[in-house]
PDB file of all heavy atoms in Angstrom:
ATOM      1  N   LYS A   1     -81.763 -11.560-185.769  1.00  0.00           N
ATOM      2  CA  LYS A   1     -81.422 -10.596-184.799  1.00  0.00           C
ATOM      3  C   LYS A   1     -80.407 -11.111-183.813  1.00  0.00           C
ATOM      4  O   LYS A   1     -80.260 -12.336-183.607  1.00  0.00           O
ATOM      5  CB  LYS A   1     -82.689 -10.163-184.005  1.00  0.00           C
ATOM      6  CG  LYS A   1     -83.626  -9.300-184.762  1.00  0.00           C
ATOM      7  CD  LYS A   1     -84.876  -9.036-183.962  1.00  0.00           C
ATOM      8  CE  LYS A   1     -84.625  -8.559-182.562  1.00  0.00           C
ATOM      9  NZ  LYS A   1     -85.847  -8.218-181.815  1.00  0.00           N
ATOM     10  N   LYS A   2     -79.662 -10.182-183.190  1.00  0.00           N
ATOM     11  CA  LYS A   2     -78.729 -10.540-182.132  1.00  0.00           C
ATOM     12  C   LYS A   2     -79.300 -10.079-180.795  1.00  0.00           C
ATOM     13  O   LYS A   2     -80.050  -9.138-180.700  1.00  0.00           O
ATOM     14  CB  LYS A   2     -77.381  -9.895-182.409  1.00  0.00           C
ATOM     15  CG  LYS A   2     -76.665 -10.464-183.605  1.00  0.00           C
ATOM     16  CD  LYS A   2     -75.255  -9.917-183.757  1.00  0.00           C
ATOM     17  CE  LYS A   2     -74.576 -10.605-184.923  1.00  0.00           C
ATOM     18  NZ  LYS A   2     -73.153 -10.167-184.952  1.00  0.00           N
ATOM     19  N   TYR A   3     -78.920 -10.810-179.769  1.00  0.00           N
ATOM     20  CA  TYR A   3     -79.452 -10.556-178.401  1.00  0.00           C
ATOM     21  C   TYR A   3     -78.272 -10.442-177.436  1.00  0.00           C
ATOM     22  O   TYR A   3     -77.176 -10.949-177.699  1.00  0.00           O
ATOM     23  CB  TYR A   3     -80.323 -11.730-177.993  1.00  0.00           C
ATOM     24  CG  TYR A   3     -81.554 -11.853-178.842  1.00  0.00           C
ATOM     25  CD1 TYR A   3     -81.533 -12.635-180.005  1.00  0.00           C
ATOM     26  CD2 TYR A   3     -82.742 -11.228-178.486  1.00  0.00           C
ATOM     27  CE1 TYR A   3     -82.642 -12.753-180.826  1.00  0.00           C
ATOM     28  CE2 TYR A   3     -83.848 -11.348-179.303  1.00  0.00           C
ATOM     29  CZ  TYR A   3     -83.839 -12.116-180.442  1.00  0.00           C
ATOM     30  OH  TYR A   3     -84.946 -12.239-181.230  1.00  0.00           O
ATOM     31  N   PRO A   4     -78.516  -9.795-176.287  1.00  0.00           N
ATOM     32  CA  PRO A   4     -77.474  -9.745-175.269  1.00  0.00           C
ATOM     33  C   PRO A   4     -77.055 -11.183-174.840  1.00  0.00           C
ATOM     34  O   PRO A   4     -77.935 -12.031-174.711  1.00  0.00           O
ATOM     35  CB  PRO A   4     -78.116  -9.002-174.098  1.00  0.00           C
ATOM     36  CG  PRO A   4     -79.205  -8.185-174.721  1.00  0.00           C
ATOM     37  CD  PRO A   4     -79.680  -9.010-175.893  1.00  0.00           C
ATOM     38  N   ILE A   5     -75.790 -11.389-174.706  1.00  0.00           N
ATOM     39  CA  ILE A   5     -75.265 -12.741-174.460  1.00  0.00           C
ATOM     40  C   ILE A   5     -75.900 -13.322-173.175  1.00  0.00           C
ATOM     41  O   ILE A   5     -76.180 -14.517-173.129  1.00  0.00           O
ATOM     42  CB  ILE A   5     -73.726 -12.756-174.394  1.00  0.00           C
ATOM     43  CG1 ILE A   5     -73.203 -14.182-174.418  1.00  0.00           C
ATOM     44  CG2 ILE A   5     -73.172 -11.943-173.244  1.00  0.00           C
ATOM     45  CD1 ILE A   5     -71.740 -14.293-174.681  1.00  0.00           C
ATOM     46  N   GLN A   6     -76.127 -12.505-172.142  1.00  0.00           N
ATOM     47  CA  GLN A   6     -76.656 -13.058-170.930  1.00  0.00           C
ATOM     48  C   GLN A   6     -78.115 -13.559-171.122  1.00  0.00           C
ATOM     49  O   GLN A   6     -78.516 -14.561-170.527  1.00  0.00           O
ATOM     50  CB  GLN A   6     -76.543 -12.116-169.754  1.00  0.00           C
ATOM     51  CG  GLN A   6     -77.163 -10.782-169.901  1.00  0.00           C
ATOM     52  CD  GLN A   6     -76.280  -9.717-170.479  1.00  0.00           C
ATOM     53  OE1 GLN A   6     -75.530  -9.963-171.406  1.00  0.00           O
ATOM     54  NE2 GLN A   6     -76.363  -8.555-169.973  1.00  0.00           N
ATOM     55  N   ASP A   7     -78.875 -12.912-172.017  1.00  0.00           N
ATOM     56  CA  ASP A   7     -80.212 -13.392-172.301  1.00  0.00           C
ATOM     57  C   ASP A   7     -80.185 -14.747-173.019  1.00  0.00           C
ATOM     58  O   ASP A   7     -80.972 -15.624-172.733  1.00  0.00           O
ATOM     59  CB  ASP A   7     -80.978 -12.388-173.173  1.00  0.00           C
ATOM     60  CG  ASP A   7     -81.289 -11.102-172.459  1.00  0.00           C
ATOM     61  OD1 ASP A   7     -81.140 -11.052-171.194  1.00  0.00           O
ATOM     62  OD2 ASP A   7     -81.689 -10.101-173.133  1.00  0.00           O
ATOM     63  N   VAL A   8     -79.226 -14.867-173.938  1.00  0.00           N
ATOM     64  CA  VAL A   8     -79.056 -16.132-174.681  1.00  0.00           C
ATOM     65  C   VAL A   8     -78.674 -17.226-173.701  1.00  0.00           C
ATOM     66  O   VAL A   8     -79.200 -18.353-173.727  1.00  0.00           O
ATOM     67  CB  VAL A   8     -78.037 -15.988-175.807  1.00  0.00           C
ATOM     68  CG1 VAL A   8     -77.751 -17.340-176.494  1.00  0.00           C
ATOM     69  CG2 VAL A   8     -78.551 -14.965-176.864  1.00  0.00           C
ATOM     70  N   LEU A   9     -77.705 -16.955-172.819  1.00  0.00           N
ATOM     71  CA  LEU A   9     -77.303 -17.939-171.849  1.00  0.00           C
ATOM     72  C   LEU A   9     -78.488 -18.398-170.971  1.00  0.00           C
ATOM     73  O   LEU A   9     -78.655 -19.607-170.746  1.00  0.00           O
ATOM     74  CB  LEU A   9     -76.172 -17.392-170.936  1.00  0.00           C
ATOM     75  CG  LEU A   9     -74.808 -17.284-171.576  1.00  0.00           C
ATOM     76  CD1 LEU A   9     -73.883 -16.458-170.681  1.00  0.00           C
ATOM     77  CD2 LEU A   9     -74.211 -18.644-171.852  1.00  0.00           C
ATOM     78  N   ARG A  10     -79.272 -17.460-170.517  1.00  0.00           N
ATOM     79  CA  ARG A  10     -80.434 -17.839-169.668  1.00  0.00           C
ATOM     80  C   ARG A  10     -81.452 -18.632-170.462  1.00  0.00           C
ATOM     81  O   ARG A  10     -82.041 -19.607-169.926  1.00  0.00           O
ATOM     82  CB  ARG A  10     -81.069 -16.569-169.099  1.00  0.00           C
ATOM     83  CG  ARG A  10     -80.260 -15.961-167.995  1.00  0.00           C
ATOM     84  CD  ARG A  10     -81.014 -14.812-167.299  1.00  0.00           C
ATOM     85  NE  ARG A  10     -80.162 -14.230-166.327  1.00  0.00           N
ATOM     86  CZ  ARG A  10     -79.484 -13.057-166.500  1.00  0.00           C
ATOM     87  NH1 ARG A  10     -79.626 -12.394-167.612  1.00  0.00           N
ATOM     88  NH2 ARG A  10     -78.717 -12.564-165.554  1.00  0.00           N
ATOM     89  N   ASP A  11     -81.691 -18.269-171.722  1.00  0.00           N
ATOM     90  CA  ASP A  11     -82.621 -19.050-172.551  1.00  0.00           C
ATOM     91  C   ASP A  11     -82.128 -20.448-172.800  1.00  0.00           C
ATOM     92  O   ASP A  11     -82.900 -21.402-172.739  1.00  0.00           O
ATOM     93  CB  ASP A  11     -82.855 -18.346-173.903  1.00  0.00           C
ATOM     94  CG  ASP A  11     -83.713 -17.103-173.795  1.00  0.00           C
ATOM     95  OD1 ASP A  11     -84.300 -16.869-172.710  1.00  0.00           O
ATOM     96  OD2 ASP A  11     -83.740 -16.350-174.783  1.00  0.00           O
ATOM     97  N   LEU A  12     -80.838 -20.597-173.056  1.00  0.00           N
ATOM     98  CA  LEU A  12     -80.313 -21.936-173.284  1.00  0.00           C
ATOM     99  C   LEU A  12     -80.365 -22.776-171.975  1.00  0.00           C
ATOM    100  O   LEU A  12     -80.699 -23.960-172.050  1.00  0.00           O
ATOM    101  CB  LEU A  12     -78.820 -21.851-173.737  1.00  0.00           C
ATOM    102  CG  LEU A  12     -78.612 -21.308-175.151  1.00  0.00           C
ATOM    103  CD1 LEU A  12     -77.130 -21.088-175.419  1.00  0.00           C
ATOM    104  CD2 LEU A  12     -79.238 -22.215-176.187  1.00  0.00           C
ATOM    105  N   ALA A  13     -80.130 -22.141-170.879  1.00  0.00           N
ATOM    106  CA  ALA A  13     -80.187 -22.870-169.598  1.00  0.00           C
ATOM    107  C   ALA A  13     -81.588 -23.280-169.208  1.00  0.00           C
ATOM    108  O   ALA A  13     -81.743 -24.279-168.495  1.00  0.00           O
ATOM    109  CB  ALA A  13     -79.539 -22.003-168.484  1.00  0.00           C
ATOM    110  N   SER A  14     -82.576 -22.549-169.667  1.00  0.00           N
ATOM    111  CA  SER A  14     -83.957 -22.863-169.295  1.00  0.00           C
ATOM    112  C   SER A  14     -84.682 -23.740-170.271  1.00  0.00           C
ATOM    113  O   SER A  14     -85.883 -23.955-170.170  1.00  0.00           O
ATOM    114  CB  SER A  14     -84.722 -21.558-169.073  1.00  0.00           C
ATOM    115  OG  SER A  14     -84.875 -20.886-170.311  1.00  0.00           O
ATOM    116  N   GLN A  15     -83.955 -24.319-171.232  1.00  0.00           N
ATOM    117  CA  GLN A  15     -84.552 -25.235-172.178  1.00  0.00           C
ATOM    118  C   GLN A  15     -85.158 -26.459-171.462  1.00  0.00           C
ATOM    119  O   GLN A  15     -84.704 -26.826-170.408  1.00  0.00           O
ATOM    120  CB  GLN A  15     -83.496 -25.809-173.172  1.00  0.00           C
ATOM    121  CG  GLN A  15     -82.978 -24.833-174.144  1.00  0.00           C
ATOM    122  CD  GLN A  15     -82.027 -25.586-175.083  1.00  0.00           C
ATOM    123  OE1 GLN A  15     -82.502 -26.113-176.068  1.00  0.00           O
ATOM    124  NE2 GLN A  15     -80.746 -25.599-174.749  1.00  0.00           N
ATOM    125  N   GLU A  16     -86.129 -27.059-172.135  1.00  0.00           N
ATOM    126  CA  GLU A  16     -86.681 -28.286-171.601  1.00  0.00           C
ATOM    127  C   GLU A  16     -85.600 -29.333-171.538  1.00  0.00           C
ATOM    128  O   GLU A  16     -84.800 -29.457-172.449  1.00  0.00           O
ATOM    129  CB  GLU A  16     -87.813 -28.764-172.539  1.00  0.00           C
ATOM    130  CG  GLU A  16     -88.562 -29.952-172.011  1.00  0.00           C
ATOM    131  CD  GLU A  16     -89.709 -30.326-172.921  1.00  0.00           C
ATOM    132  OE1 GLU A  16     -90.029 -29.559-173.851  1.00  0.00           O
ATOM    133  OE2 GLU A  16     -90.252 -31.416-172.696  1.00  0.00           O
ATOM    134  N   HIS A  17     -85.579 -30.046-170.453  1.00  0.00           N
ATOM    135  CA  HIS A  17     -84.558 -31.101-170.170  1.00  0.00           C
ATOM    136  C   HIS A  17     -83.167 -30.486-169.942  1.00  0.00           C
ATOM    137  O   HIS A  17     -82.192 -31.204-170.017  1.00  0.00           O
ATOM    138  CB  HIS A  17     -84.472 -32.164-171.250  1.00  0.00           C
ATOM    139  CG  HIS A  17     -85.764 -32.821-171.556  1.00  0.00           C
ATOM    140  ND1 HIS A  17     -86.418 -33.586-170.632  1.00  0.00           N
ATOM    141  CD2 HIS A  17     -86.554 -32.789-172.649  1.00  0.00           C
ATOM    142  CE1 HIS A  17     -87.552 -34.015-171.132  1.00  0.00           C
ATOM    143  NE2 HIS A  17     -87.661 -33.563-172.368  1.00  0.00           N
ATOM    144  N   GLY A  18     -83.117 -29.197-169.741  1.00  0.00           N
ATOM    145  CA  GLY A  18     -81.826 -28.569-169.506  1.00  0.00           C
ATOM    146  C   GLY A  18     -81.663 -28.416-167.968  1.00  0.00           C
ATOM    147  O   GLY A  18     -82.326 -27.617-167.326  1.00  0.00           O
ATOM    148  N   GLY A  19     -80.805 -29.183-167.445  1.00  0.00           N
ATOM    149  CA  GLY A  19     -80.561 -29.135-166.013  1.00  0.00           C
ATOM    150  C   GLY A  19     -79.175 -29.596-165.655  1.00  0.00           C
ATOM    151  O   GLY A  19     -78.439 -30.045-166.509  1.00  0.00           O
ATOM    152  N   GLY A  20     -78.827 -29.387-164.440  1.00  0.00           N
ATOM    153  CA  GLY A  20     -77.536 -29.853-164.019  1.00  0.00           C
ATOM    154  C   GLY A  20     -76.512 -28.744-163.978  1.00  0.00           C
ATOM    155  O   GLY A  20     -76.799 -27.563-164.230  1.00  0.00           O
ATOM    156  N   VAL A  21     -75.283 -29.120-163.662  1.00  0.00           N
ATOM    157  CA  VAL A  21     -74.227 -28.125-163.450  1.00  0.00           C
ATOM    158  C   VAL A  21     -73.960 -27.212-164.667  1.00  0.00           C
ATOM    159  O   VAL A  21     -73.866 -26.034-164.500  1.00  0.00           O
ATOM    160  CB  VAL A  21     -72.922 -28.881-163.027  1.00  0.00           C
ATOM    161  CG1 VAL A  21     -71.768 -27.899-162.945  1.00  0.00           C
ATOM    162  CG2 VAL A  21     -73.139 -29.564-161.660  1.00  0.00           C
ATOM    163  N   PRO A  22     -73.849 -27.748-165.904  1.00  0.00           N
ATOM    164  CA  PRO A  22     -73.555 -26.852-167.014  1.00  0.00           C
ATOM    165  C   PRO A  22     -74.646 -25.747-167.194  1.00  0.00           C
ATOM    166  O   PRO A  22     -74.297 -24.620-167.460  1.00  0.00           O
ATOM    167  CB  PRO A  22     -73.556 -27.764-168.248  1.00  0.00           C
ATOM    168  CG  PRO A  22     -73.282 -29.124-167.706  1.00  0.00           C
ATOM    169  CD  PRO A  22     -73.893 -29.153-166.341  1.00  0.00           C
ATOM    170  N   TYR A  23     -75.883 -26.106-166.967  1.00  0.00           N
ATOM    171  CA  TYR A  23     -76.969 -25.107-167.126  1.00  0.00           C
ATOM    172  C   TYR A  23     -76.949 -24.137-165.986  1.00  0.00           C
ATOM    173  O   TYR A  23     -77.172 -22.946-166.165  1.00  0.00           O
ATOM    174  CB  TYR A  23     -78.277 -25.826-167.277  1.00  0.00           C
ATOM    175  CG  TYR A  23     -78.317 -26.693-168.489  1.00  0.00           C
ATOM    176  CD1 TYR A  23     -77.975 -28.040-168.463  1.00  0.00           C
ATOM    177  CD2 TYR A  23     -78.672 -26.144-169.728  1.00  0.00           C
ATOM    178  CE1 TYR A  23     -77.981 -28.816-169.603  1.00  0.00           C
ATOM    179  CE2 TYR A  23     -78.712 -26.892-170.876  1.00  0.00           C
ATOM    180  CZ  TYR A  23     -78.331 -28.239-170.797  1.00  0.00           C
ATOM    181  OH  TYR A  23     -78.324 -28.999-171.961  1.00  0.00           O
ATOM    182  N   ASP A  24     -76.664 -24.606-164.763  1.00  0.00           N
ATOM    183  CA  ASP A  24     -76.503 -23.710-163.628  1.00  0.00           C
ATOM    184  C   ASP A  24     -75.377 -22.748-163.854  1.00  0.00           C
ATOM    185  O   ASP A  24     -75.499 -21.555-163.537  1.00  0.00           O
ATOM    186  CB  ASP A  24     -76.283 -24.500-162.325  1.00  0.00           C
ATOM    187  CG  ASP A  24     -77.468 -25.373-161.927  1.00  0.00           C
ATOM    188  OD1 ASP A  24     -78.606 -25.101-162.440  1.00  0.00           O
ATOM    189  OD2 ASP A  24     -77.280 -26.302-161.151  1.00  0.00           O
ATOM    190  N   GLN A  25     -74.288 -23.223-164.439  1.00  0.00           N
ATOM    191  CA  GLN A  25     -73.141 -22.345-164.715  1.00  0.00           C
ATOM    192  C   GLN A  25     -73.489 -21.268-165.730  1.00  0.00           C
ATOM    193  O   GLN A  25     -72.971 -20.158-165.664  1.00  0.00           O
ATOM    194  CB  GLN A  25     -71.926 -23.181-165.127  1.00  0.00           C
ATOM    195  CG  GLN A  25     -71.353 -23.986-163.996  1.00  0.00           C
ATOM    196  CD  GLN A  25     -70.259 -24.920-164.437  1.00  0.00           C
ATOM    197  OE1 GLN A  25     -70.145 -25.281-165.621  1.00  0.00           O
ATOM    198  NE2 GLN A  25     -69.400 -25.313-163.516  1.00  0.00           N
ATOM    199  N   MET A  26     -74.341 -21.608-166.721  1.00  0.00           N
ATOM    200  CA  MET A  26     -74.757 -20.589-167.702  1.00  0.00           C
ATOM    201  C   MET A  26     -75.530 -19.471-167.044  1.00  0.00           C
ATOM    202  O   MET A  26     -75.294 -18.292-167.314  1.00  0.00           O
ATOM    203  CB  MET A  26     -75.607 -21.221-168.809  1.00  0.00           C
ATOM    204  CG  MET A  26     -74.838 -22.019-169.823  1.00  0.00           C
ATOM    205  SD  MET A  26     -75.861 -22.451-171.232  1.00  0.00           S
ATOM    206  CE  MET A  26     -76.267 -24.139-170.816  1.00  0.00           C
ATOM    207  N   VAL A  27     -76.391 -19.818-166.079  1.00  0.00           N
ATOM    208  CA  VAL A  27     -77.147 -18.778-165.364  1.00  0.00           C
ATOM    209  C   VAL A  27     -76.219 -17.966-164.475  1.00  0.00           C
ATOM    210  O   VAL A  27     -76.303 -16.729-164.443  1.00  0.00           O
ATOM    211  CB  VAL A  27     -78.291 -19.424-164.511  1.00  0.00           C
ATOM    212  CG1 VAL A  27     -78.968 -18.371-163.634  1.00  0.00           C
ATOM    213  CG2 VAL A  27     -79.309 -20.107-165.432  1.00  0.00           C
TER     214      VAL A  27
END
């Protein structure tokens, strides 16, 4: 399935050990 890009960005940013500027920028 495909998902809205903003949902995918938020999911990627909220991964375990996902932190810092790149993840904040995804949100």
